[in-house]
Amino acid sequence: MDEKLRGLRIGYALTGSFCTFEKSFAQAELLREMGAELIPIMSENASSVSTRFGTAEDNVKRLAEICGKPVITTIADAEPIGPKSLTDILVVAPCTSNTAAKLACSITDTAVTMAVKSHLRSGKPVLLAISSNDSLLGSAKNLGELFNRKNYYFVPMLQDDCVKKPASLVAEFPMIPQAVEAAMRGVQLRPIIYHKSDQR
């Protein structure tokens, strides 16, 4: 594995789109293989709600094992990220429409939104991997706001089921490493795509 991200400090945050957790875990593992250091963060719901996609305990344990660090799950523990300059880039994968709306309005009420706010104080990049069934409905205005907000970048996304869920957008999780590299250069990859990638 080419360790092209050797030494990069990535805040790796999960919010409550539970159906995409497995995809996110796989990319976290890949980022570690590429040499990145990951600081794990989960929103309070992501770390405490059990679903058919796994128990809360197992999800927290899995992320901690991948990253080799305890998972940050509280606002208080997320706050030092910026002051202590712990991260070079912060990735939110998955990022729900609820979290995106809070970020668009600068609301800080979860470990993840605090992590983003704290990280942004130094003008460093934030990369969002959107996963939401209403991205093209009520949440569209919030995504539009973030598209135009300095230091925010998006993992390329697509309609995951344009027939049954015409308003749904989901990030192409296999493109997270590529999007991280681009964001570190100040580049936004094509944010909306119409076909699935053939990457890992």
C-alpha atoms as a PDB file:
ATOM      1  CA  MET A   1       0.000   0.000   0.000  1.00  0.00           C
ATOM      2  CA  ASP A   2       1.307   3.426  -0.983  1.00  0.00           C
ATOM      3  CA  GLU A   3       1.507   5.377   2.266  1.00  0.00           C
ATOM      4  CA  LYS A   4       0.884   8.722   0.563  1.00  0.00           C
ATOM      5  CA  LEU A   5      -0.986  10.044   3.610  1.00  0.00           C
ATOM      6  CA  ARG A   6       1.847   9.251   5.999  1.00  0.00           C
ATOM      7  CA  GLY A   7       1.655  11.569   9.005  1.00  0.00           C
ATOM      8  CA  LEU A   8      -1.598  13.266   8.031  1.00  0.00           C
ATOM      9  CA  ARG A   9      -3.769  13.793  11.112  1.00  0.00           C
ATOM     10  CA  ILE A  10      -7.402  13.176  10.261  1.00  0.00           C
ATOM     11  CA  GLY A  11     -10.337  13.748  12.568  1.00  0.00           C
ATOM     12  CA  TYR A  12     -12.688  10.961  11.481  1.00  0.00           C
ATOM     13  CA  ALA A  13     -16.287  11.558  12.537  1.00  0.00           C
ATOM     14  CA  LEU A  14     -19.458   9.500  12.165  1.00  0.00           C
ATOM     15  CA  THR A  15     -23.028  10.757  12.486  1.00  0.00           C
ATOM     16  CA  GLY A  16     -26.249   8.771  12.473  1.00  0.00           C
ATOM     17  CA  SER A  17     -26.635   7.393   8.958  1.00  0.00           C
ATOM     18  CA  PHE A  18     -26.226   3.882  10.336  1.00  0.00           C
ATOM     19  CA  CYS A  19     -26.723   2.091   7.013  1.00  0.00           C
ATOM     20  CA  THR A  20     -23.417   3.521   5.755  1.00  0.00           C
ATOM     21  CA  PHE A  21     -21.290   2.713   8.805  1.00  0.00           C
ATOM     22  CA  GLU A  22     -19.724  -0.347   7.187  1.00  0.00           C
ATOM     23  CA  LYS A  23     -18.652   1.723   4.177  1.00  0.00           C
ATOM     24  CA  SER A  24     -17.193   4.334   6.507  1.00  0.00           C
ATOM     25  CA  PHE A  25     -15.303   1.768   8.574  1.00  0.00           C
ATOM     26  CA  ALA A  26     -13.774   0.337   5.392  1.00  0.00           C
ATOM     27  CA  GLN A  27     -12.467   3.759   4.372  1.00  0.00           C
ATOM     28  CA  ALA A  28     -11.125   4.454   7.843  1.00  0.00           C
ATOM     29  CA  GLU A  29      -9.136   1.228   7.575  1.00  0.00           C
ATOM     30  CA  LEU A  30      -7.848   2.275   4.154  1.00  0.00           C
ATOM     31  CA  LEU A  31      -6.783   5.700   5.400  1.00  0.00           C
ATOM     32  CA  ARG A  32      -4.815   4.005   8.187  1.00  0.00           C
ATOM     33  CA  GLU A  33      -3.180   1.718   5.625  1.00  0.00           C
ATOM     34  CA  MET A  34      -2.193   4.837   3.683  1.00  0.00           C
ATOM     35  CA  GLY A  35      -0.322   6.120   6.723  1.00  0.00           C
ATOM     36  CA  ALA A  36      -2.814   8.575   8.179  1.00  0.00           C
ATOM     37  CA  GLU A  37      -3.371   9.033  11.900  1.00  0.00           C
ATOM     38  CA  LEU A  38      -7.089   8.999  12.737  1.00  0.00           C
ATOM     39  CA  ILE A  39      -8.774  10.664  15.694  1.00  0.00           C
ATOM     40  CA  PRO A  40     -12.196   8.968  16.002  1.00  0.00           C
ATOM     41  CA  ILE A  41     -15.305  11.015  16.783  1.00  0.00           C
ATOM     42  CA  MET A  42     -18.963   9.991  16.931  1.00  0.00           C
ATOM     43  CA  SER A  43     -22.070  12.054  17.535  1.00  0.00           C
ATOM     44  CA  GLU A  44     -24.014  11.195  20.655  1.00  0.00           C
ATOM     45  CA  ASN A  45     -26.693   9.391  18.611  1.00  0.00           C
ATOM     46  CA  ALA A  46     -24.166   7.554  16.467  1.00  0.00           C
ATOM     47  CA  SER A  47     -22.416   6.239  19.561  1.00  0.00           C
ATOM     48  CA  SER A  48     -25.478   5.348  21.638  1.00  0.00           C
ATOM     49  CA  VAL A  49     -28.204   4.067  19.283  1.00  0.00           C
ATOM     50  CA  SER A  50     -28.349   0.379  18.322  1.00  0.00           C
ATOM     51  CA  THR A  51     -29.965  -0.531  15.002  1.00  0.00           C
ATOM     52  CA  ARG A  52     -30.265  -3.469  12.639  1.00  0.00           C
ATOM     53  CA  PHE A  53     -26.884  -2.350  11.291  1.00  0.00           C
ATOM     54  CA  GLY A  54     -25.143  -3.062  14.593  1.00  0.00           C
ATOM     55  CA  THR A  55     -25.174  -2.292  18.280  1.00  0.00           C
ATOM     56  CA  ALA A  56     -23.903   1.015  19.592  1.00  0.00           C
ATOM     57  CA  GLU A  57     -21.268  -0.770  21.660  1.00  0.00           C
ATOM     58  CA  ASP A  58     -19.955  -2.726  18.674  1.00  0.00           C
ATOM     59  CA  ASN A  59     -19.826   0.364  16.450  1.00  0.00           C
ATOM     60  CA  VAL A  60     -17.866   2.394  18.993  1.00  0.00           C
ATOM     61  CA  LYS A  61     -15.515  -0.527  19.616  1.00  0.00           C
ATOM     62  CA  ARG A  62     -14.977  -1.068  15.885  1.00  0.00           C
ATOM     63  CA  LEU A  63     -14.038   2.551  15.226  1.00  0.00           C
ATOM     64  CA  ALA A  64     -11.739   2.663  18.246  1.00  0.00           C
ATOM     65  CA  GLU A  65      -9.942  -0.490  17.092  1.00  0.00           C
ATOM     66  CA  ILE A  66      -9.469   0.865  13.566  1.00  0.00           C
ATOM     67  CA  CYS A  67      -8.107   4.185  14.789  1.00  0.00           C
ATOM     68  CA  GLY A  68      -6.179   2.841  17.753  1.00  0.00           C
ATOM     69  CA  LYS A  69      -7.640   5.524  20.017  1.00  0.00           C
ATOM     70  CA  PRO A  70     -10.698   5.986  22.238  1.00  0.00           C
ATOM     71  CA  VAL A  71     -13.671   7.496  20.426  1.00  0.00           C
ATOM     72  CA  ILE A  72     -14.573  11.092  21.262  1.00  0.00           C
ATOM     73  CA  THR A  73     -18.316  11.154  22.005  1.00  0.00           C
ATOM     74  CA  THR A  74     -18.907  14.361  23.976  1.00  0.00           C
ATOM     75  CA  ILE A  75     -18.785  18.086  23.288  1.00  0.00           C
ATOM     76  CA  ALA A  76     -16.314  18.574  26.126  1.00  0.00           C
ATOM     77  CA  ASP A  77     -13.865  16.039  24.710  1.00  0.00           C
ATOM     78  CA  ALA A  78     -14.179  17.437  21.167  1.00  0.00           C
ATOM     79  CA  GLU A  79     -13.536  21.057  22.106  1.00  0.00           C
ATOM     80  CA  PRO A  80      -9.707  20.783  22.460  1.00  0.00           C
ATOM     81  CA  ILE A  81      -9.277  19.598  18.851  1.00  0.00           C
ATOM     82  CA  GLY A  82      -8.758  23.119  17.552  1.00  0.00           C
ATOM     83  CA  PRO A  83      -6.899  24.750  20.449  1.00  0.00           C
ATOM     84  CA  LYS A  84      -4.451  21.852  20.600  1.00  0.00           C
ATOM     85  CA  SER A  85      -4.181  21.671  16.777  1.00  0.00           C
ATOM     86  CA  LEU A  86      -4.824  17.923  16.787  1.00  0.00           C
ATOM     87  CA  THR A  87      -6.052  17.607  13.190  1.00  0.00           C
ATOM     88  CA  ASP A  88      -4.970  18.617   9.675  1.00  0.00           C
ATOM     89  CA  ILE A  89      -8.336  17.767   8.121  1.00  0.00           C
ATOM     90  CA  LEU A  90     -11.651  16.662   9.576  1.00  0.00           C
ATOM     91  CA  VAL A  91     -13.789  14.108   7.729  1.00  0.00           C
ATOM     92  CA  VAL A  92     -17.465  13.565   8.565  1.00  0.00           C
ATOM     93  CA  ALA A  93     -18.436  10.218   7.052  1.00  0.00           C
ATOM     94  CA  PRO A  94     -21.341   9.767   7.063  1.00  0.00           C
ATOM     95  CA  CYS A  95     -22.682  13.289   7.409  1.00  0.00           C
ATOM     96  CA  THR A  96     -26.468  13.322   7.845  1.00  0.00           C
ATOM     97  CA  SER A  97     -28.739  16.108   6.631  1.00  0.00           C
ATOM     98  CA  ASN A  98     -29.324  16.970  10.286  1.00  0.00           C
ATOM     99  CA  THR A  99     -25.614  17.527  10.877  1.00  0.00           C
ATOM    100  CA  ALA A 100     -25.220  19.408   7.590  1.00  0.00           C
ATOM    101  CA  ALA A 101     -28.051  21.753   8.609  1.00  0.00           C
ATOM    102  CA  LYS A 102     -26.361  22.433  11.938  1.00  0.00           C
ATOM    103  CA  LEU A 103     -23.037  23.135  10.256  1.00  0.00           C
ATOM    104  CA  ALA A 104     -24.718  25.489   7.779  1.00  0.00           C
ATOM    105  CA  CYS A 105     -26.207  27.407  10.711  1.00  0.00           C
ATOM    106  CA  SER A 106     -23.081  27.174  12.894  1.00  0.00           C
ATOM    107  CA  ILE A 107     -24.961  25.218  15.564  1.00  0.00           C
ATOM    108  CA  THR A 108     -22.746  23.356  18.025  1.00  0.00           C
ATOM    109  CA  ASP A 109     -24.681  20.753  19.999  1.00  0.00           C
ATOM    110  CA  THR A 110     -22.974  17.413  19.360  1.00  0.00           C
ATOM    111  CA  ALA A 111     -19.456  16.049  19.609  1.00  0.00           C
ATOM    112  CA  VAL A 112     -19.184  16.156  15.808  1.00  0.00           C
ATOM    113  CA  THR A 113     -20.405  19.730  15.311  1.00  0.00           C
ATOM    114  CA  MET A 114     -18.088  20.854  18.116  1.00  0.00           C
ATOM    115  CA  ALA A 115     -15.195  18.993  16.506  1.00  0.00           C
ATOM    116  CA  VAL A 116     -15.868  20.758  13.197  1.00  0.00           C
ATOM    117  CA  LYS A 117     -16.200  24.172  14.837  1.00  0.00           C
ATOM    118  CA  SER A 118     -13.051  23.682  16.866  1.00  0.00           C
ATOM    119  CA  HIS A 119     -11.096  22.406  13.860  1.00  0.00           C
ATOM    120  CA  LEU A 120     -12.247  25.300  11.655  1.00  0.00           C
ATOM    121  CA  ARG A 121     -10.827  27.931  13.971  1.00  0.00           C
ATOM    122  CA  SER A 122      -7.490  27.501  12.194  1.00  0.00           C
ATOM    123  CA  GLY A 123      -8.972  27.593   8.693  1.00  0.00           C
ATOM    124  CA  LYS A 124      -8.307  23.919   7.997  1.00  0.00           C
ATOM    125  CA  PRO A 125     -10.404  21.801   5.587  1.00  0.00           C
ATOM    126  CA  VAL A 126     -13.537  19.876   6.519  1.00  0.00           C
ATOM    127  CA  LEU A 127     -14.627  17.047   4.208  1.00  0.00           C
ATOM    128  CA  LEU A 128     -18.271  15.917   4.267  1.00  0.00           C
ATOM    129  CA  ALA A 129     -19.527  12.546   3.021  1.00  0.00           C
ATOM    130  CA  ILE A 130     -23.246  13.238   2.704  1.00  0.00           C
ATOM    131  CA  SER A 131     -25.793  10.476   3.317  1.00  0.00           C
ATOM    132  CA  SER A 132     -29.404  11.646   3.396  1.00  0.00           C
ATOM    133  CA  ASN A 133     -32.785  10.714   1.939  1.00  0.00           C
ATOM    134  CA  ASP A 134     -33.867  14.355   1.628  1.00  0.00           C
ATOM    135  CA  SER A 135     -30.740  15.931   0.165  1.00  0.00           C
ATOM    136  CA  LEU A 136     -32.713  17.211  -2.830  1.00  0.00           C
ATOM    137  CA  LEU A 137     -35.698  18.364  -0.758  1.00  0.00           C
ATOM    138  CA  GLY A 138     -35.575  20.399   2.452  1.00  0.00           C
ATOM    139  CA  SER A 139     -31.874  19.772   2.982  1.00  0.00           C
ATOM    140  CA  ALA A 140     -30.831  21.091  -0.414  1.00  0.00           C
ATOM    141  CA  LYS A 141     -30.556  24.682   0.819  1.00  0.00           C
ATOM    142  CA  ASN A 142     -28.172  23.648   3.580  1.00  0.00           C
ATOM    143  CA  LEU A 143     -25.931  21.738   1.182  1.00  0.00           C
ATOM    144  CA  GLY A 144     -25.970  24.768  -1.109  1.00  0.00           C
ATOM    145  CA  GLU A 145     -24.870  26.972   1.770  1.00  0.00           C
ATOM    146  CA  LEU A 146     -21.998  24.632   2.613  1.00  0.00           C
ATOM    147  CA  PHE A 147     -20.947  24.386  -1.040  1.00  0.00           C
ATOM    148  CA  ASN A 148     -20.273  28.113  -0.865  1.00  0.00           C
ATOM    149  CA  ARG A 149     -18.675  28.118   2.591  1.00  0.00           C
ATOM    150  CA  LYS A 150     -14.914  28.476   2.816  1.00  0.00           C
ATOM    151  CA  ASN A 151     -12.984  25.389   3.993  1.00  0.00           C
ATOM    152  CA  TYR A 152     -15.855  22.935   3.333  1.00  0.00           C
ATOM    153  CA  TYR A 153     -15.354  20.169   0.788  1.00  0.00           C
ATOM    154  CA  PHE A 154     -17.559  17.273  -0.302  1.00  0.00           C
ATOM    155  CA  VAL A 155     -16.897  13.664  -1.173  1.00  0.00           C
ATOM    156  CA  PRO A 156     -18.458  13.184  -4.631  1.00  0.00           C
ATOM    157  CA  MET A 157     -22.032  11.939  -4.265  1.00  0.00           C
ATOM    158  CA  LEU A 158     -24.808  10.494  -6.373  1.00  0.00           C
ATOM    159  CA  GLN A 159     -28.459   9.532  -6.261  1.00  0.00           C
ATOM    160  CA  ASP A 160     -28.346   6.043  -4.805  1.00  0.00           C
ATOM    161  CA  ASP A 161     -31.875   5.135  -6.002  1.00  0.00           C
ATOM    162  CA  CYS A 162     -33.383   7.751  -8.301  1.00  0.00           C
ATOM    163  CA  VAL A 163     -36.621   5.772  -8.704  1.00  0.00           C
ATOM    164  CA  LYS A 164     -37.551   4.770  -5.153  1.00  0.00           C
ATOM    165  CA  LYS A 165     -35.696   7.608  -3.394  1.00  0.00           C
ATOM    166  CA  PRO A 166     -35.480  10.474  -5.906  1.00  0.00           C
ATOM    167  CA  ALA A 167     -34.342  13.032  -3.298  1.00  0.00           C
ATOM    168  CA  SER A 168     -31.608  10.856  -1.780  1.00  0.00           C
ATOM    169  CA  LEU A 169     -27.896  11.560  -2.171  1.00  0.00           C
ATOM    170  CA  VAL A 170     -25.129   9.341  -0.812  1.00  0.00           C
ATOM    171  CA  ALA A 171     -21.408   9.976  -0.995  1.00  0.00           C
ATOM    172  CA  GLU A 172     -19.222   7.578  -2.908  1.00  0.00           C
ATOM    173  CA  PHE A 173     -17.347   6.356   0.149  1.00  0.00           C
ATOM    174  CA  PRO A 174     -14.543   4.694  -1.874  1.00  0.00           C
ATOM    175  CA  MET A 175     -13.566   8.192  -3.035  1.00  0.00           C
ATOM    176  CA  ILE A 176     -12.841   9.445   0.504  1.00  0.00           C
ATOM    177  CA  PRO A 177      -9.036   9.002   0.271  1.00  0.00           C
ATOM    178  CA  GLN A 178      -8.943  10.807  -3.074  1.00  0.00           C
ATOM    179  CA  ALA A 179     -11.183  13.562  -1.717  1.00  0.00           C
ATOM    180  CA  VAL A 180      -8.956  13.943   1.354  1.00  0.00           C
ATOM    181  CA  GLU A 181      -5.897  14.434  -0.840  1.00  0.00           C
ATOM    182  CA  ALA A 182      -7.752  16.967  -2.993  1.00  0.00           C
ATOM    183  CA  ALA A 183      -9.105  18.931  -0.031  1.00  0.00           C
ATOM    184  CA  MET A 184      -5.619  19.188   1.437  1.00  0.00           C
ATOM    185  CA  ARG A 185      -4.642  20.908  -1.823  1.00  0.00           C
ATOM    186  CA  GLY A 186      -7.691  23.182  -1.667  1.00  0.00           C
ATOM    187  CA  VAL A 187      -9.411  21.339  -4.504  1.00  0.00           C
ATOM    188  CA  GLN A 188     -13.071  20.222  -4.658  1.00  0.00           C
ATOM    189  CA  LEU A 189     -13.549  17.084  -6.726  1.00  0.00           C
ATOM    190  CA  ARG A 190     -16.635  17.062  -8.919  1.00  0.00           C
ATOM    191  CA  PRO A 191     -19.260  17.026  -6.142  1.00  0.00           C
ATOM    192  CA  ILE A 192     -22.163  15.411  -8.010  1.00  0.00           C
ATOM    193  CA  ILE A 193     -21.565  12.320 -10.112  1.00  0.00           C
ATOM    194  CA  TYR A 194     -23.981  10.125 -12.042  1.00  0.00           C
ATOM    195  CA  HIS A 195     -22.315   6.725 -11.889  1.00  0.00           C
ATOM    196  CA  LYS A 196     -20.700   4.583  -9.233  1.00  0.00           C
ATOM    197  CA  SER A 197     -16.951   4.606  -8.992  1.00  0.00           C
ATOM    198  CA  ASP A 198     -14.972   1.428  -9.601  1.00  0.00           C
ATOM    199  CA  GLN A 199     -12.557   2.178  -6.798  1.00  0.00           C
ATOM    200  CA  ARG A 200     -12.146   0.064  -3.677  1.00  0.00           C
END
